[in-house]
Amino acid sequence: PFGTTSSMLRVTSRRAVVRVWRSAQLVTSSTRAGVAAQQPLVQQTTPRAAGVRICARGLAAKVVEEADGGLRVQYVFSEDDHRRFAIERKLFAAEERLCEIPFTADPQKFDWRQTLEAALCVTMLADNFVIPFHDLCIERLIPQGQLMEHFKIPILENVDRSGRPLHSQATPQEGAYQKFRLQSSWLALHVWLIHSKQRALQESEGIYGSALCSRLSKELFEWMWNQIRTWMEDADVPPMSVHYEMVDFQSFVYAFCRSLDEVFREETLENTLQSLRHTDALPPGKVGLAPRVKHLLWASVYSEAELHNAKHLHELTVYLLRQHIMLEGLPRDTFLTGKFKWADFPLPNN
């Protein structure tokens, strides 16, 4: 179906993906730790697909071509990874917060106003239909300081740009790249969660419903790019470099979202909750949903700079899986109206 992250990623040049993979092979495992934190926000070389490069750093991987012509990085896990995965499967299966989660909204039905807004959105005459989804993402950014700190994600700060000169000579501060990357990943996680629900609905929708779902994802991703571009300007990225940085982060986010698509498609047995309950007898080629999600977050969000047993990495994995479980049980109309809330996330006592 059109409107998926897979088709979005293929908009970028196939040669760029191969070029990124070749450059990733030049990064040795000895330079793995701390590289992302030291990397400047303004690049001096040509733009790179950061998500593919960083995910491939220090890992046994290869680029494979899919039947539809897309390219992706395929990882080969080590024996240590498989031993850790076996422990993590049991750990996540025993996690009390990963249970059947009732959605926090009353069942909704499309009224005449929402039907009209949806029709205007499909015909690209207005975008009021996607505003509730913008609000859902904003709600995860602004009043969630404690939650973001729990995952070691820097809180967004208010920046007053009124007094800045037109040709400011300010440059990004030290560590701005890693801070910006974490904040962008936090936003991208929630955009992907909405996209994953839209994609699941799209498979069973007719032409009109499929077009509506596709339009929803497109508008939501466009809105995210506008947010990220604003954050770049607040981080004092020179105007001449903003375009190249946007290409860099778009490549990272699309690769990250596509990897999430692949993990859930390849590791989900019946649904997310049932997949977490399978700890021992897994089909050939599967390592477990939760361990692969955790490994992807470690490689992409935290840039391989954290320990595999880091508490905040475990917590972010639980958070993502908990939200995905909630969305899977969300009725169609309730989701499309946008009148629902994210699943609560009880923080552990210690």
C-alpha atoms as a PDB file:
ATOM      1  CA  PRO A   1       0.000   0.000   0.000  1.00  0.00           C
ATOM      2  CA  PHE A   2       1.140   3.522  -0.708  1.00  0.00           C
ATOM      3  CA  GLY A   3       2.010   5.857   2.143  1.00  0.00           C
ATOM      4  CA  THR A   4       4.324   3.516   4.070  1.00  0.00           C
ATOM      5  CA  THR A   5       7.774   4.304   5.385  1.00  0.00           C
ATOM      6  CA  SER A   6       9.164   1.766   2.933  1.00  0.00           C
ATOM      7  CA  SER A   7       7.956   3.778  -0.052  1.00  0.00           C
ATOM      8  CA  MET A   8       9.073   7.010   1.612  1.00  0.00           C
ATOM      9  CA  LEU A   9      12.589   5.683   2.102  1.00  0.00           C
ATOM     10  CA  ARG A  10      12.852   4.673  -1.542  1.00  0.00           C
ATOM     11  CA  VAL A  11      12.306   8.306  -2.517  1.00  0.00           C
ATOM     12  CA  THR A  12      15.964   8.845  -1.587  1.00  0.00           C
ATOM     13  CA  SER A  13      18.626   7.783  -4.028  1.00  0.00           C
ATOM     14  CA  ARG A  14      19.603   4.109  -4.056  1.00  0.00           C
ATOM     15  CA  ARG A  15      23.163   5.240  -4.697  1.00  0.00           C
ATOM     16  CA  ALA A  16      23.058   7.281  -1.496  1.00  0.00           C
ATOM     17  CA  VAL A  17      22.193   4.173   0.534  1.00  0.00           C
ATOM     18  CA  VAL A  18      25.078   2.241  -1.003  1.00  0.00           C
ATOM     19  CA  ARG A  19      27.419   5.191  -0.451  1.00  0.00           C
ATOM     20  CA  VAL A  20      26.369   5.391   3.180  1.00  0.00           C
ATOM     21  CA  TRP A  21      26.930   1.657   3.632  1.00  0.00           C
ATOM     22  CA  ARG A  22      30.444   1.918   2.165  1.00  0.00           C
ATOM     23  CA  SER A  23      31.287   4.814   4.468  1.00  0.00           C
ATOM     24  CA  ALA A  24      29.948   2.838   7.428  1.00  0.00           C
ATOM     25  CA  GLN A  25      32.403   0.048   6.715  1.00  0.00           C
ATOM     26  CA  LEU A  26      35.249   2.489   7.301  1.00  0.00           C
ATOM     27  CA  VAL A  27      34.181   3.095  10.913  1.00  0.00           C
ATOM     28  CA  THR A  28      35.975   0.620  13.154  1.00  0.00           C
ATOM     29  CA  SER A  29      34.699  -0.831  16.391  1.00  0.00           C
ATOM     30  CA  SER A  30      37.502   0.892  18.303  1.00  0.00           C
ATOM     31  CA  THR A  31      35.925   4.288  17.610  1.00  0.00           C
ATOM     32  CA  ARG A  32      32.394   3.180  18.465  1.00  0.00           C
ATOM     33  CA  ALA A  33      31.959   4.593  21.963  1.00  0.00           C
ATOM     34  CA  GLY A  34      31.306   8.297  22.183  1.00  0.00           C
ATOM     35  CA  VAL A  35      31.585   9.078  18.474  1.00  0.00           C
ATOM     36  CA  ALA A  36      27.993  10.271  18.145  1.00  0.00           C
ATOM     37  CA  ALA A  37      28.300  12.550  21.182  1.00  0.00           C
ATOM     38  CA  GLN A  38      31.402  14.229  19.701  1.00  0.00           C
ATOM     39  CA  GLN A  39      30.014  14.671  16.217  1.00  0.00           C
ATOM     40  CA  PRO A  40      29.280  18.323  15.329  1.00  0.00           C
ATOM     41  CA  LEU A  41      25.799  19.336  14.290  1.00  0.00           C
ATOM     42  CA  VAL A  42      27.082  21.149  11.198  1.00  0.00           C
ATOM     43  CA  GLN A  43      28.681  18.660   8.811  1.00  0.00           C
ATOM     44  CA  GLN A  44      31.678  19.531   6.661  1.00  0.00           C
ATOM     45  CA  THR A  45      31.113  16.695   4.188  1.00  0.00           C
ATOM     46  CA  THR A  46      28.268  15.600   1.979  1.00  0.00           C
ATOM     47  CA  PRO A  47      25.030  14.575   3.745  1.00  0.00           C
ATOM     48  CA  ARG A  48      24.841  11.023   4.994  1.00  0.00           C
ATOM     49  CA  ALA A  49      21.990   8.742   6.010  1.00  0.00           C
ATOM     50  CA  ALA A  50      22.850   8.840   9.714  1.00  0.00           C
ATOM     51  CA  GLY A  51      20.416   6.131  10.738  1.00  0.00           C
ATOM     52  CA  VAL A  52      21.902   3.526   8.409  1.00  0.00           C
ATOM     53  CA  ARG A  53      25.483   4.480   9.174  1.00  0.00           C
ATOM     54  CA  ILE A  54      25.143   4.566  12.935  1.00  0.00           C
ATOM     55  CA  CYS A  55      23.087   1.368  13.056  1.00  0.00           C
ATOM     56  CA  ALA A  56      25.785  -0.358  11.021  1.00  0.00           C
ATOM     57  CA  ARG A  57      28.713   0.894  13.110  1.00  0.00           C
ATOM     58  CA  GLY A  58      30.623  -1.966  14.646  1.00  0.00           C
ATOM     59  CA  LEU A  59      27.971  -4.571  13.818  1.00  0.00           C
ATOM     60  CA  ALA A  60      28.112  -7.573  11.544  1.00  0.00           C
ATOM     61  CA  ALA A  61      25.730  -6.510   8.786  1.00  0.00           C
ATOM     62  CA  LYS A  62      25.194  -6.513   5.066  1.00  0.00           C
ATOM     63  CA  VAL A  63      23.121  -4.587   2.556  1.00  0.00           C
ATOM     64  CA  VAL A  64      20.433  -6.667   0.857  1.00  0.00           C
ATOM     65  CA  GLU A  65      18.107  -5.775  -2.001  1.00  0.00           C
ATOM     66  CA  GLU A  66      14.452  -6.577  -1.506  1.00  0.00           C
ATOM     67  CA  ALA A  67      12.002  -7.829  -4.134  1.00  0.00           C
ATOM     68  CA  ASP A  68      10.468  -4.357  -4.486  1.00  0.00           C
ATOM     69  CA  GLY A  69      13.854  -2.810  -5.272  1.00  0.00           C
ATOM     70  CA  GLY A  70      14.465  -1.273  -1.834  1.00  0.00           C
ATOM     71  CA  LEU A  71      17.752  -1.572   0.026  1.00  0.00           C
ATOM     72  CA  ARG A  72      18.102  -2.322   3.713  1.00  0.00           C
ATOM     73  CA  VAL A  73      20.796  -3.212   6.220  1.00  0.00           C
ATOM     74  CA  GLN A  74      20.486  -6.755   7.547  1.00  0.00           C
ATOM     75  CA  TYR A  75      22.183  -7.498  10.861  1.00  0.00           C
ATOM     76  CA  VAL A  76      23.936 -10.726  11.819  1.00  0.00           C
ATOM     77  CA  PHE A  77      23.740 -11.127  15.590  1.00  0.00           C
ATOM     78  CA  SER A  78      26.655 -12.592  17.530  1.00  0.00           C
ATOM     79  CA  GLU A  79      26.548 -15.450  20.024  1.00  0.00           C
ATOM     80  CA  ASP A  80      26.656 -12.922  22.854  1.00  0.00           C
ATOM     81  CA  ASP A  81      23.625 -11.191  21.339  1.00  0.00           C
ATOM     82  CA  HIS A  82      21.656 -14.444  21.188  1.00  0.00           C
ATOM     83  CA  ARG A  83      22.521 -15.288  24.807  1.00  0.00           C
ATOM     84  CA  ARG A  84      21.402 -11.841  25.879  1.00  0.00           C
ATOM     85  CA  PHE A  85      18.221 -12.114  23.812  1.00  0.00           C
ATOM     86  CA  ALA A  86      17.241 -15.334  25.618  1.00  0.00           C
ATOM     87  CA  ILE A  87      17.526 -13.558  28.978  1.00  0.00           C
ATOM     88  CA  GLU A  88      15.688 -10.482  27.730  1.00  0.00           C
ATOM     89  CA  ARG A  89      12.768 -12.506  26.374  1.00  0.00           C
ATOM     90  CA  LYS A  90      12.048 -13.836  29.870  1.00  0.00           C
ATOM     91  CA  LEU A  91      12.626 -10.420  31.409  1.00  0.00           C
ATOM     92  CA  PHE A  92      10.090  -8.691  29.166  1.00  0.00           C
ATOM     93  CA  ALA A  93       7.614 -11.576  29.438  1.00  0.00           C
ATOM     94  CA  ALA A  94       7.569 -11.019  33.212  1.00  0.00           C
ATOM     95  CA  GLU A  95       7.173  -7.229  32.857  1.00  0.00           C
ATOM     96  CA  GLU A  96       3.907  -6.286  34.591  1.00  0.00           C
ATOM     97  CA  ARG A  97       3.460  -3.165  32.509  1.00  0.00           C
ATOM     98  CA  LEU A  98       3.336  -5.191  29.292  1.00  0.00           C
ATOM     99  CA  CYS A  99      -0.178  -6.521  29.636  1.00  0.00           C
ATOM    100  CA  GLU A 100      -3.515  -5.977  27.945  1.00  0.00           C
ATOM    101  CA  ILE A 101      -4.008  -2.210  28.071  1.00  0.00           C
ATOM    102  CA  PRO A 102      -7.498  -0.689  27.767  1.00  0.00           C
ATOM    103  CA  PHE A 103      -7.507   2.340  25.509  1.00  0.00           C
ATOM    104  CA  THR A 104      -8.169   5.578  27.351  1.00  0.00           C
ATOM    105  CA  ALA A 105     -11.046   6.912  25.282  1.00  0.00           C
ATOM    106  CA  ASP A 106     -14.725   6.327  24.711  1.00  0.00           C
ATOM    107  CA  PRO A 107     -15.580   4.558  21.437  1.00  0.00           C
ATOM    108  CA  GLN A 108     -16.012   7.206  18.762  1.00  0.00           C
ATOM    109  CA  LYS A 109     -17.939   7.330  15.497  1.00  0.00           C
ATOM    110  CA  PHE A 110     -17.440   9.653  12.570  1.00  0.00           C
ATOM    111  CA  ASP A 111     -19.967  12.493  12.616  1.00  0.00           C
ATOM    112  CA  TRP A 112     -20.759  14.679   9.626  1.00  0.00           C
ATOM    113  CA  ARG A 113     -18.101  17.241  10.551  1.00  0.00           C
ATOM    114  CA  GLN A 114     -15.307  14.694  10.823  1.00  0.00           C
ATOM    115  CA  THR A 115     -16.419  13.050   7.596  1.00  0.00           C
ATOM    116  CA  LEU A 116     -16.212  16.426   5.856  1.00  0.00           C
ATOM    117  CA  GLU A 117     -12.785  17.155   7.333  1.00  0.00           C
ATOM    118  CA  ALA A 118     -11.571  13.729   6.206  1.00  0.00           C
ATOM    119  CA  ALA A 119     -12.854  14.342   2.676  1.00  0.00           C
ATOM    120  CA  LEU A 120     -11.122  17.746   2.543  1.00  0.00           C
ATOM    121  CA  CYS A 121      -7.911  16.132   3.779  1.00  0.00           C
ATOM    122  CA  VAL A 122      -7.998  13.409   1.118  1.00  0.00           C
ATOM    123  CA  THR A 123      -8.573  16.003  -1.612  1.00  0.00           C
ATOM    124  CA  MET A 124      -5.796  18.191  -0.136  1.00  0.00           C
ATOM    125  CA  LEU A 125      -8.145  21.149   0.341  1.00  0.00           C
ATOM    126  CA  ALA A 126      -7.604  21.368   4.112  1.00  0.00           C
ATOM    127  CA  ASP A 127      -5.640  19.604   6.851  1.00  0.00           C
ATOM    128  CA  ASN A 128      -7.838  20.080   9.931  1.00  0.00           C
ATOM    129  CA  PHE A 129      -8.256  16.310  10.074  1.00  0.00           C
ATOM    130  CA  VAL A 130      -4.634  15.790  11.201  1.00  0.00           C
ATOM    131  CA  ILE A 131      -4.606  18.487  13.917  1.00  0.00           C
ATOM    132  CA  PRO A 132      -5.623  16.057  16.729  1.00  0.00           C
ATOM    133  CA  PHE A 133      -2.641  13.876  15.798  1.00  0.00           C
ATOM    134  CA  HIS A 134      -0.341  16.897  15.956  1.00  0.00           C
ATOM    135  CA  ASP A 135      -1.685  17.559  19.426  1.00  0.00           C
ATOM    136  CA  LEU A 136      -1.028  13.965  20.476  1.00  0.00           C
ATOM    137  CA  CYS A 137       2.630  14.334  19.506  1.00  0.00           C
ATOM    138  CA  ILE A 138       2.973  17.767  21.104  1.00  0.00           C
ATOM    139  CA  GLU A 139       1.515  16.396  24.330  1.00  0.00           C
ATOM    140  CA  ARG A 140       4.450  13.953  24.463  1.00  0.00           C
ATOM    141  CA  LEU A 141       6.971  16.778  23.946  1.00  0.00           C
ATOM    142  CA  ILE A 142       5.984  19.636  26.225  1.00  0.00           C
ATOM    143  CA  PRO A 143       4.504  18.461  29.563  1.00  0.00           C
ATOM    144  CA  GLN A 144       6.458  15.181  29.714  1.00  0.00           C
ATOM    145  CA  GLY A 145       9.694  16.432  31.269  1.00  0.00           C
ATOM    146  CA  GLN A 146       9.841  13.733  33.919  1.00  0.00           C
ATOM    147  CA  LEU A 147       9.153  11.015  31.387  1.00  0.00           C
ATOM    148  CA  MET A 148      11.806  12.278  28.951  1.00  0.00           C
ATOM    149  CA  GLU A 149      14.354  12.551  31.743  1.00  0.00           C
ATOM    150  CA  HIS A 150      13.496   8.976  32.748  1.00  0.00           C
ATOM    151  CA  PHE A 151      14.676   7.862  29.293  1.00  0.00           C
ATOM    152  CA  LYS A 152      17.729  10.189  29.393  1.00  0.00           C
ATOM    153  CA  ILE A 153      16.257  12.344  26.615  1.00  0.00           C
ATOM    154  CA  PRO A 154      16.993  16.089  26.978  1.00  0.00           C
ATOM    155  CA  ILE A 155      13.949  18.256  27.668  1.00  0.00           C
ATOM    156  CA  LEU A 156      12.955  20.792  25.041  1.00  0.00           C
ATOM    157  CA  GLU A 157      13.761  24.354  26.069  1.00  0.00           C
ATOM    158  CA  ASN A 158      12.073  27.601  25.107  1.00  0.00           C
ATOM    159  CA  VAL A 159      14.349  29.657  22.876  1.00  0.00           C
ATOM    160  CA  ASP A 160      13.765  33.383  22.327  1.00  0.00           C
ATOM    161  CA  ARG A 161      14.802  34.236  18.785  1.00  0.00           C
ATOM    162  CA  SER A 162      13.415  37.768  18.754  1.00  0.00           C
ATOM    163  CA  GLY A 163      16.737  39.440  19.565  1.00  0.00           C
ATOM    164  CA  ARG A 164      18.916  37.500  17.161  1.00  0.00           C
ATOM    165  CA  PRO A 165      20.420  39.364  14.205  1.00  0.00           C
ATOM    166  CA  LEU A 166      19.509  38.308  10.691  1.00  0.00           C
ATOM    167  CA  HIS A 167      23.065  37.110   9.986  1.00  0.00           C
ATOM    168  CA  SER A 168      23.914  35.585  13.335  1.00  0.00           C
ATOM    169  CA  GLN A 169      27.421  34.143  13.749  1.00  0.00           C
ATOM    170  CA  ALA A 170      26.344  31.752  16.527  1.00  0.00           C
ATOM    171  CA  THR A 171      27.213  28.074  16.120  1.00  0.00           C
ATOM    172  CA  PRO A 172      25.846  24.935  17.795  1.00  0.00           C
ATOM    173  CA  GLN A 173      27.202  24.234  21.267  1.00  0.00           C
ATOM    174  CA  GLU A 174      29.225  21.153  22.126  1.00  0.00           C
ATOM    175  CA  GLY A 175      27.035  18.048  22.354  1.00  0.00           C
ATOM    176  CA  ALA A 176      24.204  19.682  20.425  1.00  0.00           C
ATOM    177  CA  TYR A 177      24.172  16.928  17.791  1.00  0.00           C
ATOM    178  CA  GLN A 178      23.541  14.110  20.253  1.00  0.00           C
ATOM    179  CA  LYS A 179      20.979  16.171  22.176  1.00  0.00           C
ATOM    180  CA  PHE A 180      19.156  17.041  18.964  1.00  0.00           C
ATOM    181  CA  ARG A 181      19.279  13.436  17.800  1.00  0.00           C
ATOM    182  CA  LEU A 182      17.696  12.141  21.014  1.00  0.00           C
ATOM    183  CA  GLN A 183      14.898  14.728  20.885  1.00  0.00           C
ATOM    184  CA  SER A 184      14.213  13.993  17.215  1.00  0.00           C
ATOM    185  CA  SER A 185      14.112  10.259  17.934  1.00  0.00           C
ATOM    186  CA  TRP A 186      11.580  10.821  20.731  1.00  0.00           C
ATOM    187  CA  LEU A 187       9.304  12.708  18.341  1.00  0.00           C
ATOM    188  CA  ALA A 188       9.858  10.143  15.556  1.00  0.00           C
ATOM    189  CA  LEU A 189       8.851   7.282  17.882  1.00  0.00           C
ATOM    190  CA  HIS A 190       5.389   8.764  18.372  1.00  0.00           C
ATOM    191  CA  VAL A 191       4.959   9.650  14.715  1.00  0.00           C
ATOM    192  CA  TRP A 192       5.883   6.062  13.860  1.00  0.00           C
ATOM    193  CA  LEU A 193       3.413   4.677  16.427  1.00  0.00           C
ATOM    194  CA  ILE A 194       0.591   6.578  14.737  1.00  0.00           C
ATOM    195  CA  HIS A 195       1.906   5.530  11.340  1.00  0.00           C
ATOM    196  CA  SER A 196       2.029   1.858  12.371  1.00  0.00           C
ATOM    197  CA  LYS A 197      -1.637   1.955  13.414  1.00  0.00           C
ATOM    198  CA  GLN A 198      -2.544   3.743  10.187  1.00  0.00           C
ATOM    199  CA  ARG A 199      -0.661   1.153   8.169  1.00  0.00           C
ATOM    200  CA  ALA A 200      -2.450  -1.725   9.919  1.00  0.00           C
ATOM    201  CA  LEU A 201      -5.823  -0.120   9.162  1.00  0.00           C
ATOM    202  CA  GLN A 202      -4.865   0.645   5.572  1.00  0.00           C
ATOM    203  CA  GLU A 203      -4.448  -3.032   4.737  1.00  0.00           C
ATOM    204  CA  SER A 204      -8.178  -3.642   5.239  1.00  0.00           C
ATOM    205  CA  GLU A 205      -9.518  -0.320   3.975  1.00  0.00           C
ATOM    206  CA  GLY A 206     -11.053   0.465   0.614  1.00  0.00           C
ATOM    207  CA  ILE A 207      -9.836   3.139  -1.752  1.00  0.00           C
ATOM    208  CA  TYR A 208     -11.203   6.058   0.298  1.00  0.00           C
ATOM    209  CA  GLY A 209      -9.965   4.718   3.650  1.00  0.00           C
ATOM    210  CA  SER A 210      -6.568   3.864   2.175  1.00  0.00           C
ATOM    211  CA  ALA A 211      -6.214   7.360   0.724  1.00  0.00           C
ATOM    212  CA  LEU A 212      -7.187   8.880   4.070  1.00  0.00           C
ATOM    213  CA  CYS A 213      -4.616   6.781   5.950  1.00  0.00           C
ATOM    214  CA  SER A 214      -1.939   7.637   3.408  1.00  0.00           C
ATOM    215  CA  ARG A 215      -2.721  11.325   3.638  1.00  0.00           C
ATOM    216  CA  LEU A 216      -2.586  11.178   7.443  1.00  0.00           C
ATOM    217  CA  SER A 217       0.931   9.734   7.433  1.00  0.00           C
ATOM    218  CA  LYS A 218       2.163  12.185   4.799  1.00  0.00           C
ATOM    219  CA  GLU A 219       0.846  15.228   6.670  1.00  0.00           C
ATOM    220  CA  LEU A 220       2.188  13.953   9.985  1.00  0.00           C
ATOM    221  CA  PHE A 221       5.678  13.399   8.598  1.00  0.00           C
ATOM    222  CA  GLU A 222       5.645  16.825   6.940  1.00  0.00           C
ATOM    223  CA  TRP A 223       4.638  18.370  10.262  1.00  0.00           C
ATOM    224  CA  MET A 224       7.506  16.536  11.979  1.00  0.00           C
ATOM    225  CA  TRP A 225      10.031  17.906   9.468  1.00  0.00           C
ATOM    226  CA  ASN A 226       8.807  21.428  10.212  1.00  0.00           C
ATOM    227  CA  GLN A 227       9.322  20.832  13.924  1.00  0.00           C
ATOM    228  CA  ILE A 228      12.812  19.446  13.392  1.00  0.00           C
ATOM    229  CA  ARG A 229      13.737  22.350  11.129  1.00  0.00           C
ATOM    230  CA  THR A 230      12.628  24.799  13.827  1.00  0.00           C
ATOM    231  CA  TRP A 231      14.722  22.959  16.416  1.00  0.00           C
ATOM    232  CA  MET A 232      17.729  23.251  14.099  1.00  0.00           C
ATOM    233  CA  GLU A 233      17.294  27.004  13.890  1.00  0.00           C
ATOM    234  CA  ASP A 234      16.982  27.183  17.670  1.00  0.00           C
ATOM    235  CA  ALA A 235      20.244  25.206  17.933  1.00  0.00           C
ATOM    236  CA  ASP A 236      22.034  27.954  15.926  1.00  0.00           C
ATOM    237  CA  VAL A 237      22.622  25.855  12.827  1.00  0.00           C
ATOM    238  CA  PRO A 238      23.810  28.279  10.111  1.00  0.00           C
ATOM    239  CA  PRO A 239      21.094  28.863   7.486  1.00  0.00           C
ATOM    240  CA  MET A 240      23.369  27.578   4.711  1.00  0.00           C
ATOM    241  CA  SER A 241      23.699  24.223   6.530  1.00  0.00           C
ATOM    242  CA  VAL A 242      20.051  23.665   7.476  1.00  0.00           C
ATOM    243  CA  HIS A 243      19.186  21.962   4.182  1.00  0.00           C
ATOM    244  CA  TYR A 244      22.030  19.445   4.467  1.00  0.00           C
ATOM    245  CA  GLU A 245      21.216  18.729   8.102  1.00  0.00           C
ATOM    246  CA  MET A 246      17.576  18.148   7.151  1.00  0.00           C
ATOM    247  CA  VAL A 247      18.651  15.613   4.529  1.00  0.00           C
ATOM    248  CA  ASP A 248      20.787  13.954   7.171  1.00  0.00           C
ATOM    249  CA  PHE A 249      18.022  13.678   9.745  1.00  0.00           C
ATOM    250  CA  GLN A 250      15.364  12.698   7.241  1.00  0.00           C
ATOM    251  CA  SER A 251      17.573   9.818   6.140  1.00  0.00           C
ATOM    252  CA  PHE A 252      18.071   8.796   9.762  1.00  0.00           C
ATOM    253  CA  VAL A 253      14.369   8.992  10.675  1.00  0.00           C
ATOM    254  CA  TYR A 254      13.177   7.136   7.577  1.00  0.00           C
ATOM    255  CA  ALA A 255      15.738   4.377   8.119  1.00  0.00           C
ATOM    256  CA  PHE A 256      14.757   4.207  11.798  1.00  0.00           C
ATOM    257  CA  CYS A 257      11.035   3.966  10.998  1.00  0.00           C
ATOM    258  CA  ARG A 258      11.608   1.381   8.304  1.00  0.00           C
ATOM    259  CA  SER A 259      13.675  -0.697  10.737  1.00  0.00           C
ATOM    260  CA  LEU A 260      10.824  -0.546  13.243  1.00  0.00           C
ATOM    261  CA  ASP A 261       8.440  -1.714  10.516  1.00  0.00           C
ATOM    262  CA  GLU A 262      10.712  -4.649   9.763  1.00  0.00           C
ATOM    263  CA  VAL A 263      11.184  -5.665  13.401  1.00  0.00           C
ATOM    264  CA  PHE A 264       7.453  -5.782  14.118  1.00  0.00           C
ATOM    265  CA  ARG A 265       6.689  -7.488  10.796  1.00  0.00           C
ATOM    266  CA  GLU A 266       9.344 -10.170  11.236  1.00  0.00           C
ATOM    267  CA  GLU A 267       9.016 -10.838  14.985  1.00  0.00           C
ATOM    268  CA  THR A 268       5.268 -10.473  15.612  1.00  0.00           C
ATOM    269  CA  LEU A 269       3.574 -13.882  15.793  1.00  0.00           C
ATOM    270  CA  GLU A 270      -0.114 -13.063  16.439  1.00  0.00           C
ATOM    271  CA  ASN A 271       0.000  -9.637  18.016  1.00  0.00           C
ATOM    272  CA  THR A 272       2.442  -7.695  20.172  1.00  0.00           C
ATOM    273  CA  LEU A 273       1.191  -9.071  23.476  1.00  0.00           C
ATOM    274  CA  GLN A 274       1.252 -12.702  22.338  1.00  0.00           C
ATOM    275  CA  SER A 275       4.699 -12.248  20.822  1.00  0.00           C
ATOM    276  CA  LEU A 276       6.070 -11.138  24.189  1.00  0.00           C
ATOM    277  CA  ARG A 277       4.802 -14.323  25.814  1.00  0.00           C
ATOM    278  CA  HIS A 278       6.917 -16.592  23.580  1.00  0.00           C
ATOM    279  CA  THR A 279      10.211 -17.045  25.405  1.00  0.00           C
ATOM    280  CA  ASP A 280      11.595 -20.443  24.351  1.00  0.00           C
ATOM    281  CA  ALA A 281      10.024 -22.170  21.333  1.00  0.00           C
ATOM    282  CA  LEU A 282      10.494 -19.524  18.653  1.00  0.00           C
ATOM    283  CA  PRO A 283      10.139 -20.197  14.929  1.00  0.00           C
ATOM    284  CA  PRO A 284      13.417 -20.405  12.964  1.00  0.00           C
ATOM    285  CA  GLY A 285      15.009 -17.056  12.258  1.00  0.00           C
ATOM    286  CA  LYS A 286      13.253 -15.207  15.084  1.00  0.00           C
ATOM    287  CA  VAL A 287      14.975 -13.886  18.201  1.00  0.00           C
ATOM    288  CA  GLY A 288      12.024 -12.271  19.965  1.00  0.00           C
ATOM    289  CA  LEU A 289      10.116  -9.029  19.509  1.00  0.00           C
ATOM    290  CA  ALA A 290      11.237  -7.229  22.669  1.00  0.00           C
ATOM    291  CA  PRO A 291      14.973  -8.010  22.314  1.00  0.00           C
ATOM    292  CA  ARG A 292      15.022  -6.796  18.712  1.00  0.00           C
ATOM    293  CA  VAL A 293      13.125  -3.621  19.575  1.00  0.00           C
ATOM    294  CA  LYS A 294      15.555  -2.979  22.410  1.00  0.00           C
ATOM    295  CA  HIS A 295      18.542  -3.637  20.149  1.00  0.00           C
ATOM    296  CA  LEU A 296      17.195  -1.224  17.536  1.00  0.00           C
ATOM    297  CA  LEU A 297      16.653   1.510  20.131  1.00  0.00           C
ATOM    298  CA  TRP A 298      20.168   0.921  21.454  1.00  0.00           C
ATOM    299  CA  ALA A 299      21.660   1.249  17.964  1.00  0.00           C
ATOM    300  CA  SER A 300      19.540   4.116  16.602  1.00  0.00           C
ATOM    301  CA  VAL A 301      18.260   6.267  19.474  1.00  0.00           C
ATOM    302  CA  TYR A 302      21.253   5.907  21.796  1.00  0.00           C
ATOM    303  CA  SER A 303      23.840   5.496  19.012  1.00  0.00           C
ATOM    304  CA  GLU A 304      25.382   2.375  20.606  1.00  0.00           C
ATOM    305  CA  ALA A 305      26.807   4.605  23.341  1.00  0.00           C
ATOM    306  CA  GLU A 306      24.903   2.933  26.194  1.00  0.00           C
ATOM    307  CA  LEU A 307      25.304  -0.434  27.879  1.00  0.00           C
ATOM    308  CA  HIS A 308      22.847  -3.113  26.809  1.00  0.00           C
ATOM    309  CA  ASN A 309      21.605  -3.414  30.400  1.00  0.00           C
ATOM    310  CA  ALA A 310      21.082   0.336  30.881  1.00  0.00           C
ATOM    311  CA  LYS A 311      17.905   0.986  32.834  1.00  0.00           C
ATOM    312  CA  HIS A 312      16.642   3.812  30.614  1.00  0.00           C
ATOM    313  CA  LEU A 313      17.099   1.618  27.510  1.00  0.00           C
ATOM    314  CA  HIS A 314      14.943  -1.092  29.084  1.00  0.00           C
ATOM    315  CA  GLU A 315      12.349   1.479  30.126  1.00  0.00           C
ATOM    316  CA  LEU A 316      12.116   3.046  26.655  1.00  0.00           C
ATOM    317  CA  THR A 317      11.607  -0.418  25.171  1.00  0.00           C
ATOM    318  CA  VAL A 318       8.769  -1.112  27.621  1.00  0.00           C
ATOM    319  CA  TYR A 319       7.248   2.296  26.824  1.00  0.00           C
ATOM    320  CA  LEU A 320       7.277   1.695  23.061  1.00  0.00           C
ATOM    321  CA  LEU A 321       5.812  -1.806  23.376  1.00  0.00           C
ATOM    322  CA  ARG A 322       3.138  -0.595  25.818  1.00  0.00           C
ATOM    323  CA  GLN A 323       1.979   2.126  23.428  1.00  0.00           C
ATOM    324  CA  HIS A 324       1.961  -0.341  20.525  1.00  0.00           C
ATOM    325  CA  ILE A 325      -0.192  -2.792  22.512  1.00  0.00           C
ATOM    326  CA  MET A 326      -2.680  -0.020  23.282  1.00  0.00           C
ATOM    327  CA  LEU A 327      -2.906   1.111  19.653  1.00  0.00           C
ATOM    328  CA  GLU A 328      -3.442  -2.436  18.407  1.00  0.00           C
ATOM    329  CA  GLY A 329      -6.631  -2.644  20.473  1.00  0.00           C
ATOM    330  CA  LEU A 330      -7.871   0.816  19.502  1.00  0.00           C
ATOM    331  CA  PRO A 331     -11.057   0.764  17.361  1.00  0.00           C
ATOM    332  CA  ARG A 332     -10.820   2.171  13.850  1.00  0.00           C
ATOM    333  CA  ASP A 333     -13.069   5.207  14.262  1.00  0.00           C
ATOM    334  CA  THR A 334     -11.634   6.087  17.659  1.00  0.00           C
ATOM    335  CA  PHE A 335      -8.175   6.182  16.127  1.00  0.00           C
ATOM    336  CA  LEU A 336      -9.142   8.142  13.016  1.00  0.00           C
ATOM    337  CA  THR A 337     -10.924  10.802  15.069  1.00  0.00           C
ATOM    338  CA  GLY A 338      -7.756  11.277  17.103  1.00  0.00           C
ATOM    339  CA  LYS A 339      -9.800  11.366  20.311  1.00  0.00           C
ATOM    340  CA  PHE A 340      -7.692   9.040  22.397  1.00  0.00           C
ATOM    341  CA  LYS A 341      -4.821   9.343  24.849  1.00  0.00           C
ATOM    342  CA  TRP A 342      -1.491   7.618  25.049  1.00  0.00           C
ATOM    343  CA  ALA A 343      -1.294   4.716  27.449  1.00  0.00           C
ATOM    344  CA  ASP A 344      -0.109   5.723  30.887  1.00  0.00           C
ATOM    345  CA  PHE A 345       3.381   4.652  31.862  1.00  0.00           C
ATOM    346  CA  PRO A 346       3.864   3.815  35.558  1.00  0.00           C
ATOM    347  CA  LEU A 347       7.446   4.546  36.571  1.00  0.00           C
ATOM    348  CA  PRO A 348       9.215   1.914  38.678  1.00  0.00           C
ATOM    349  CA  ASN A 349       9.826   2.664  42.344  1.00  0.00           C
ATOM    350  CA  ASN A 350      13.600   2.445  42.022  1.00  0.00           C
END
